[in-house]
PDB file of N, CA and C in Angstrom:
ATOM      1  N   MET A   1       0.845  -1.174   0.000  1.00  0.00           N
ATOM      2  CA  MET A   1       0.000   0.000   0.000  1.00  0.00           C
ATOM      3  C   MET A   1       0.893   1.240   0.000  1.00  0.00           C
ATOM      4  N   ILE A   2       0.560   2.177  -0.842  1.00  0.00           N
ATOM      5  CA  ILE A   2       1.331   3.404  -0.957  1.00  0.00           C
ATOM      6  C   ILE A   2       0.719   4.468  -0.053  1.00  0.00           C
ATOM      7  N   ILE A   3       1.563   5.047   0.768  1.00  0.00           N
ATOM      8  CA  ILE A   3       1.114   6.111   1.676  1.00  0.00           C
ATOM      9  C   ILE A   3       1.749   7.412   1.215  1.00  0.00           C
ATOM     10  N   MET A   4       0.905   8.401   0.974  1.00  0.00           N
ATOM     11  CA  MET A   4       1.377   9.707   0.512  1.00  0.00           C
ATOM     12  C   MET A   4       0.976  10.772   1.530  1.00  0.00           C
ATOM     13  N   PRO A   5       1.906  11.212   2.357  1.00  0.00           N
ATOM     14  CA  PRO A   5       1.565  12.310   3.275  1.00  0.00           C
ATOM     15  C   PRO A   5       1.427  13.614   2.488  1.00  0.00           C
ATOM     16  N   VAL A   6       0.305  14.277   2.647  1.00  0.00           N
ATOM     17  CA  VAL A   6       0.048  15.538   1.953  1.00  0.00           C
ATOM     18  C   VAL A   6       0.139  16.665   2.959  1.00  0.00           C
ATOM     19  N   LYS A   7       0.976  17.627   2.655  1.00  0.00           N
ATOM     20  CA  LYS A   7       1.142  18.773   3.549  1.00  0.00           C
ATOM     21  C   LYS A   7      -0.069  19.687   3.443  1.00  0.00           C
ATOM     22  N   GLU A   8      -0.321  20.370   4.508  1.00  0.00           N
ATOM     23  CA  GLU A   8      -1.466  21.271   4.520  1.00  0.00           C
ATOM     24  C   GLU A   8      -1.223  22.420   3.547  1.00  0.00           C
ATOM     25  N   GLY A   9      -2.189  22.690   2.716  1.00  0.00           N
ATOM     26  CA  GLY A   9      -2.088  23.754   1.740  1.00  0.00           C
ATOM     27  C   GLY A   9      -1.360  23.345   0.465  1.00  0.00           C
ATOM     28  N   GLU A  10      -0.971  22.048   0.357  1.00  0.00           N
ATOM     29  CA  GLU A  10      -0.271  21.589  -0.844  1.00  0.00           C
ATOM     30  C   GLU A  10      -1.259  21.437  -2.002  1.00  0.00           C
ATOM     31  N   ASN A  11      -0.818  21.819  -3.157  1.00  0.00           N
ATOM     32  CA  ASN A  11      -1.649  21.738  -4.349  1.00  0.00           C
ATOM     33  C   ASN A  11      -1.998  20.280  -4.633  1.00  0.00           C
ATOM     34  N   ILE A  12      -3.266  20.000  -4.961  1.00  0.00           N
ATOM     35  CA  ILE A  12      -3.714  18.633  -5.198  1.00  0.00           C
ATOM     36  C   ILE A  12      -3.054  18.040  -6.452  1.00  0.00           C
ATOM     37  N   GLU A  13      -2.795  18.863  -7.459  1.00  0.00           N
ATOM     38  CA  GLU A  13      -2.149  18.369  -8.675  1.00  0.00           C
ATOM     39  C   GLU A  13      -0.719  17.919  -8.368  1.00  0.00           C
ATOM     40  N   LYS A  14      -0.049  18.685  -7.512  1.00  0.00           N
ATOM     41  CA  LYS A  14       1.324  18.348  -7.128  1.00  0.00           C
ATOM     42  C   LYS A  14       1.347  17.036  -6.340  1.00  0.00           C
ATOM     43  N   ALA A  15       0.389  16.866  -5.434  1.00  0.00           N
ATOM     44  CA  ALA A  15       0.301  15.642  -4.638  1.00  0.00           C
ATOM     45  C   ALA A  15      -0.014  14.435  -5.525  1.00  0.00           C
ATOM     46  N   LEU A  16      -0.893  14.634  -6.491  1.00  0.00           N
ATOM     47  CA  LEU A  16      -1.247  13.557  -7.414  1.00  0.00           C
ATOM     48  C   LEU A  16      -0.046  13.164  -8.272  1.00  0.00           C
ATOM     49  N   LYS A  17       0.727  14.144  -8.688  1.00  0.00           N
ATOM     50  CA  LYS A  17       1.925  13.878  -9.491  1.00  0.00           C
ATOM     51  C   LYS A  17       2.933  13.075  -8.681  1.00  0.00           C
ATOM     52  N   LYS A  18       3.108  13.416  -7.392  1.00  0.00           N
ATOM     53  CA  LYS A  18       4.009  12.675  -6.514  1.00  0.00           C
ATOM     54  C   LYS A  18       3.529  11.237  -6.340  1.00  0.00           C
ATOM     55  N   PHE A  19       2.211  11.064  -6.206  1.00  0.00           N
ATOM     56  CA  PHE A  19       1.650   9.726  -6.061  1.00  0.00           C
ATOM     57  C   PHE A  19       1.893   8.881  -7.304  1.00  0.00           C
ATOM     58  N   LYS A  20       1.661   9.463  -8.470  1.00  0.00           N
ATOM     59  CA  LYS A  20       1.866   8.737  -9.728  1.00  0.00           C
ATOM     60  C   LYS A  20       3.317   8.315  -9.877  1.00  0.00           C
ATOM     61  N   ARG A  21       4.243   9.205  -9.543  1.00  0.00           N
ATOM     62  CA  ARG A  21       5.672   8.906  -9.640  1.00  0.00           C
ATOM     63  C   ARG A  21       6.050   7.760  -8.701  1.00  0.00           C
ATOM     64  N   LYS A  22       5.521   7.809  -7.479  1.00  0.00           N
ATOM     65  CA  LYS A  22       5.809   6.770  -6.498  1.00  0.00           C
ATOM     66  C   LYS A  22       5.213   5.435  -6.946  1.00  0.00           C
ATOM     67  N   TYR A  23       4.025   5.485  -7.532  1.00  0.00           N
ATOM     68  CA  TYR A  23       3.352   4.281  -8.025  1.00  0.00           C
ATOM     69  C   TYR A  23       4.146   3.648  -9.163  1.00  0.00           C
ATOM     70  N   GLU A  24       4.683   4.468 -10.067  1.00  0.00           N
ATOM     71  CA  GLU A  24       5.499   3.969 -11.183  1.00  0.00           C
ATOM     72  C   GLU A  24       6.739   3.255 -10.662  1.00  0.00           C
ATOM     73  N   ARG A  25       7.370   3.822  -9.644  1.00  0.00           N
ATOM     74  CA  ARG A  25       8.608   3.248  -9.106  1.00  0.00           C
ATOM     75  C   ARG A  25       8.398   1.897  -8.444  1.00  0.00           C
ATOM     76  N   THR A  26       7.196   1.630  -7.930  1.00  0.00           N
ATOM     77  CA  THR A  26       6.948   0.358  -7.257  1.00  0.00           C
ATOM     78  C   THR A  26       6.917  -0.796  -8.249  1.00  0.00           C
ATOM     79  N   GLY A  27       6.598  -0.529  -9.519  1.00  0.00           N
ATOM     80  CA  GLY A  27       6.593  -1.577 -10.533  1.00  0.00           C
ATOM     81  C   GLY A  27       5.342  -2.424 -10.540  1.00  0.00           C
ATOM     82  N   VAL A  28       4.276  -1.969  -9.909  1.00  0.00           N
ATOM     83  CA  VAL A  28       3.031  -2.726  -9.824  1.00  0.00           C
ATOM     84  C   VAL A  28       2.436  -2.926 -11.216  1.00  0.00           C
ATOM     85  N   LEU A  29       2.386  -1.872 -11.983  1.00  0.00           N
ATOM     86  CA  LEU A  29       1.778  -1.955 -13.305  1.00  0.00           C
ATOM     87  C   LEU A  29       2.573  -2.874 -14.219  1.00  0.00           C
ATOM     88  N   LYS A  30       3.889  -2.799 -14.153  1.00  0.00           N
ATOM     89  CA  LYS A  30       4.747  -3.659 -14.972  1.00  0.00           C
ATOM     90  C   LYS A  30       4.527  -5.127 -14.619  1.00  0.00           C
ATOM     91  N   GLU A  31       4.407  -5.409 -13.325  1.00  0.00           N
ATOM     92  CA  GLU A  31       4.197  -6.786 -12.883  1.00  0.00           C
ATOM     93  C   GLU A  31       2.823  -7.286 -13.312  1.00  0.00           C
ATOM     94  N   LEU A  32       1.815  -6.433 -13.242  1.00  0.00           N
ATOM     95  CA  LEU A  32       0.480  -6.813 -13.680  1.00  0.00           C
ATOM     96  C   LEU A  32       0.471  -7.201 -15.158  1.00  0.00           C
ATOM     97  N   ARG A  33       1.127  -6.406 -15.975  1.00  0.00           N
ATOM     98  CA  ARG A  33       1.184  -6.702 -17.403  1.00  0.00           C
ATOM     99  C   ARG A  33       1.935  -7.996 -17.669  1.00  0.00           C
ATOM    100  N   ALA A  34       2.987  -8.252 -16.904  1.00  0.00           N
ATOM    101  CA  ALA A  34       3.768  -9.472 -17.092  1.00  0.00           C
ATOM    102  C   ALA A  34       2.976 -10.706 -16.685  1.00  0.00           C
ATOM    103  N   ARG A  35       2.097 -10.573 -15.720  1.00  0.00           N
ATOM    104  CA  ARG A  35       1.317 -11.716 -15.237  1.00  0.00           C
ATOM    105  C   ARG A  35       0.084 -12.007 -16.087  1.00  0.00           C
ATOM    106  N   GLN A  36      -0.205 -11.183 -17.071  1.00  0.00           N
ATOM    107  CA  GLN A  36      -1.378 -11.412 -17.897  1.00  0.00           C
ATOM    108  C   GLN A  36      -1.238 -12.649 -18.768  1.00  0.00           C
ATOM    109  N   TYR A  37      -0.010 -13.033 -19.063  1.00  0.00           N
ATOM    110  CA  TYR A  37       0.214 -14.214 -19.884  1.00  0.00           C
ATOM    111  C   TYR A  37       1.446 -14.939 -19.371  1.00  0.00           C
ATOM    112  N   PHE A  38       1.507 -16.231 -19.654  1.00  0.00           N
ATOM    113  CA  PHE A  38       2.632 -17.043 -19.204  1.00  0.00           C
ATOM    114  C   PHE A  38       3.719 -17.031 -20.265  1.00  0.00           C
ATOM    115  N   THR A  39       4.949 -16.827 -19.838  1.00  0.00           N
ATOM    116  CA  THR A  39       6.092 -16.870 -20.735  1.00  0.00           C
ATOM    117  C   THR A  39       6.965 -18.042 -20.307  1.00  0.00           C
ATOM    118  N   LYS A  40       7.267 -18.916 -21.251  1.00  0.00           N
ATOM    119  CA  LYS A  40       8.118 -20.049 -20.941  1.00  0.00           C
ATOM    120  C   LYS A  40       9.485 -19.545 -20.489  1.00  0.00           C
ATOM    121  N   PRO A  41      10.109 -20.244 -19.545  1.00  0.00           N
ATOM    122  CA  PRO A  41      11.421 -19.804 -19.048  1.00  0.00           C
ATOM    123  C   PRO A  41      12.469 -19.700 -20.155  1.00  0.00           C
ATOM    124  N   SER A  42      12.419 -20.591 -21.142  1.00  0.00           N
ATOM    125  CA  SER A  42      13.403 -20.536 -22.225  1.00  0.00           C
ATOM    126  C   SER A  42      13.227 -19.271 -23.062  1.00  0.00           C
ATOM    127  N   ILE A  43      11.988 -18.863 -23.266  1.00  0.00           N
ATOM    128  CA  ILE A  43      11.715 -17.644 -24.039  1.00  0.00           C
ATOM    129  C   ILE A  43      12.093 -16.405 -23.226  1.00  0.00           C
ATOM    130  N   ALA A  44      11.829 -16.446 -21.917  1.00  0.00           N
ATOM    131  CA  ALA A  44      12.207 -15.326 -21.060  1.00  0.00           C
ATOM    132  C   ALA A  44      13.724 -15.155 -21.063  1.00  0.00           C
ATOM    133  N   LYS A  45      14.455 -16.276 -21.018  1.00  0.00           N
ATOM    134  CA  LYS A  45      15.916 -16.224 -21.047  1.00  0.00           C
ATOM    135  C   LYS A  45      16.401 -15.655 -22.377  1.00  0.00           C
ATOM    136  N   ARG A  46      15.769 -16.056 -23.471  1.00  0.00           N
ATOM    137  CA  ARG A  46      16.135 -15.563 -24.797  1.00  0.00           C
ATOM    138  C   ARG A  46      15.899 -14.058 -24.905  1.00  0.00           C
ATOM    139  N   ASP A  47      14.767 -13.595 -24.385  1.00  0.00           N
ATOM    140  CA  ASP A  47      14.452 -12.166 -24.412  1.00  0.00           C
ATOM    141  C   ASP A  47      15.444 -11.365 -23.560  1.00  0.00           C
ATOM    142  N   LYS A  48      15.809 -11.934 -22.412  1.00  0.00           N
ATOM    143  CA  LYS A  48      16.755 -11.261 -21.536  1.00  0.00           C
ATOM    144  C   LYS A  48      18.119 -11.139 -22.214  1.00  0.00           C
ATOM    145  N   MET A  49      18.528 -12.185 -22.919  1.00  0.00           N
ATOM    146  CA  MET A  49      19.805 -12.171 -23.623  1.00  0.00           C
ATOM    147  C   MET A  49      19.775 -11.151 -24.767  1.00  0.00           C
ATOM    148  N   ALA A  50      18.661 -11.101 -25.490  1.00  0.00           N
ATOM    149  CA  ALA A  50      18.530 -10.142 -26.592  1.00  0.00           C
ATOM    150  C   ALA A  50      18.598  -8.709 -26.063  1.00  0.00           C
ATOM    151  N   HIS A  51      17.983  -8.464 -24.919  1.00  0.00           N
ATOM    152  CA  HIS A  51      18.023  -7.135 -24.324  1.00  0.00           C
ATOM    153  C   HIS A  51      19.444  -6.766 -23.914  1.00  0.00           C
ATOM    154  N   ALA A  52      20.176  -7.734 -23.351  1.00  0.00           N
ATOM    155  CA  ALA A  52      21.560  -7.489 -22.942  1.00  0.00           C
ATOM    156  C   ALA A  52      22.435  -7.154 -24.146  1.00  0.00           C
ATOM    157  N   VAL A  53      22.221  -7.848 -25.259  1.00  0.00           N
ATOM    158  CA  VAL A  53      22.979  -7.575 -26.483  1.00  0.00           C
ATOM    159  C   VAL A  53      22.664  -6.174 -26.981  1.00  0.00           C
ATOM    160  N   TYR A  54      21.396  -5.808 -26.959  1.00  0.00           N
ATOM    161  CA  TYR A  54      20.958  -4.487 -27.414  1.00  0.00           C
ATOM    162  C   TYR A  54      21.607  -3.374 -26.574  1.00  0.00           C
ATOM    163  N   VAL A  55      21.598  -3.557 -25.252  1.00  0.00           N
ATOM    164  CA  VAL A  55      22.180  -2.555 -24.357  1.00  0.00           C
ATOM    165  C   VAL A  55      23.681  -2.435 -24.600  1.00  0.00           C
ATOM    166  N   GLU A  56      24.345  -3.568 -24.803  1.00  0.00           N
ATOM    167  CA  GLU A  56      25.792  -3.548 -25.044  1.00  0.00           C
ATOM    168  C   GLU A  56      26.115  -2.830 -26.352  1.00  0.00           C
ATOM    169  N   GLN A  57      25.290  -3.046 -27.374  1.00  0.00           N
ATOM    170  CA  GLN A  57      25.499  -2.356 -28.651  1.00  0.00           C
ATOM    171  C   GLN A  57      25.322  -0.853 -28.492  1.00  0.00           C
ATOM    172  N   LEU A  58      24.358  -0.440 -27.698  1.00  0.00           N
ATOM    173  CA  LEU A  58      24.150   0.987 -27.447  1.00  0.00           C
ATOM    174  C   LEU A  58      25.354   1.588 -26.741  1.00  0.00           C
ATOM    175  N   ARG A  59      25.892   0.875 -25.761  1.00  0.00           N
ATOM    176  CA  ARG A  59      27.051   1.374 -25.022  1.00  0.00           C
ATOM    177  C   ARG A  59      28.265   1.512 -25.927  1.00  0.00           C
ATOM    178  N   ARG A  60      28.469   0.520 -26.803  1.00  0.00           N
ATOM    179  CA  ARG A  60      29.616   0.580 -27.704  1.00  0.00           C
ATOM    180  C   ARG A  60      29.470   1.708 -28.720  1.00  0.00           C
ATOM    181  N   ALA A  61      28.250   1.928 -29.208  1.00  0.00           N
ATOM    182  CA  ALA A  61      28.004   3.003 -30.153  1.00  0.00           C
ATOM    183  C   ALA A  61      28.214   4.360 -29.486  1.00  0.00           C
ATOM    184  N   GLU A  62      27.908   4.426 -28.195  1.00  0.00           N
ATOM    185  CA  GLU A  62      28.062   5.673 -27.441  1.00  0.00           C
ATOM    186  C   GLU A  62      29.543   6.006 -27.257  1.00  0.00           C
ATOM    187  N   GLU A  63      30.367   4.977 -27.107  1.00  0.00           N
ATOM    188  CA  GLU A  63      31.801   5.181 -26.913  1.00  0.00           C
ATOM    189  C   GLU A  63      32.505   5.692 -28.171  1.00  0.00           C
ATOM    190  N   GLU A  64      32.004   5.296 -29.314  1.00  0.00           N
ATOM    191  CA  GLU A  64      32.656   5.664 -30.590  1.00  0.00           C
ATOM    192  C   GLU A  64      32.487   7.094 -30.952  1.00  0.00           C
TER     193      GLU A  64
END
């Protein structure tokens, strides 16, 4: 459960923005989307490896 202390006189839009940011950081939405379907462990491993290759290519391109 996310607890957001709101200071007296604080703008409601500002408080809502802080709540949304905190909610994003918890990863609840990402986990919900991941649980909507089952991914075989072999496919998850393949996707993880592909992502690692992609990130490494970006880093090497950044160095050049």
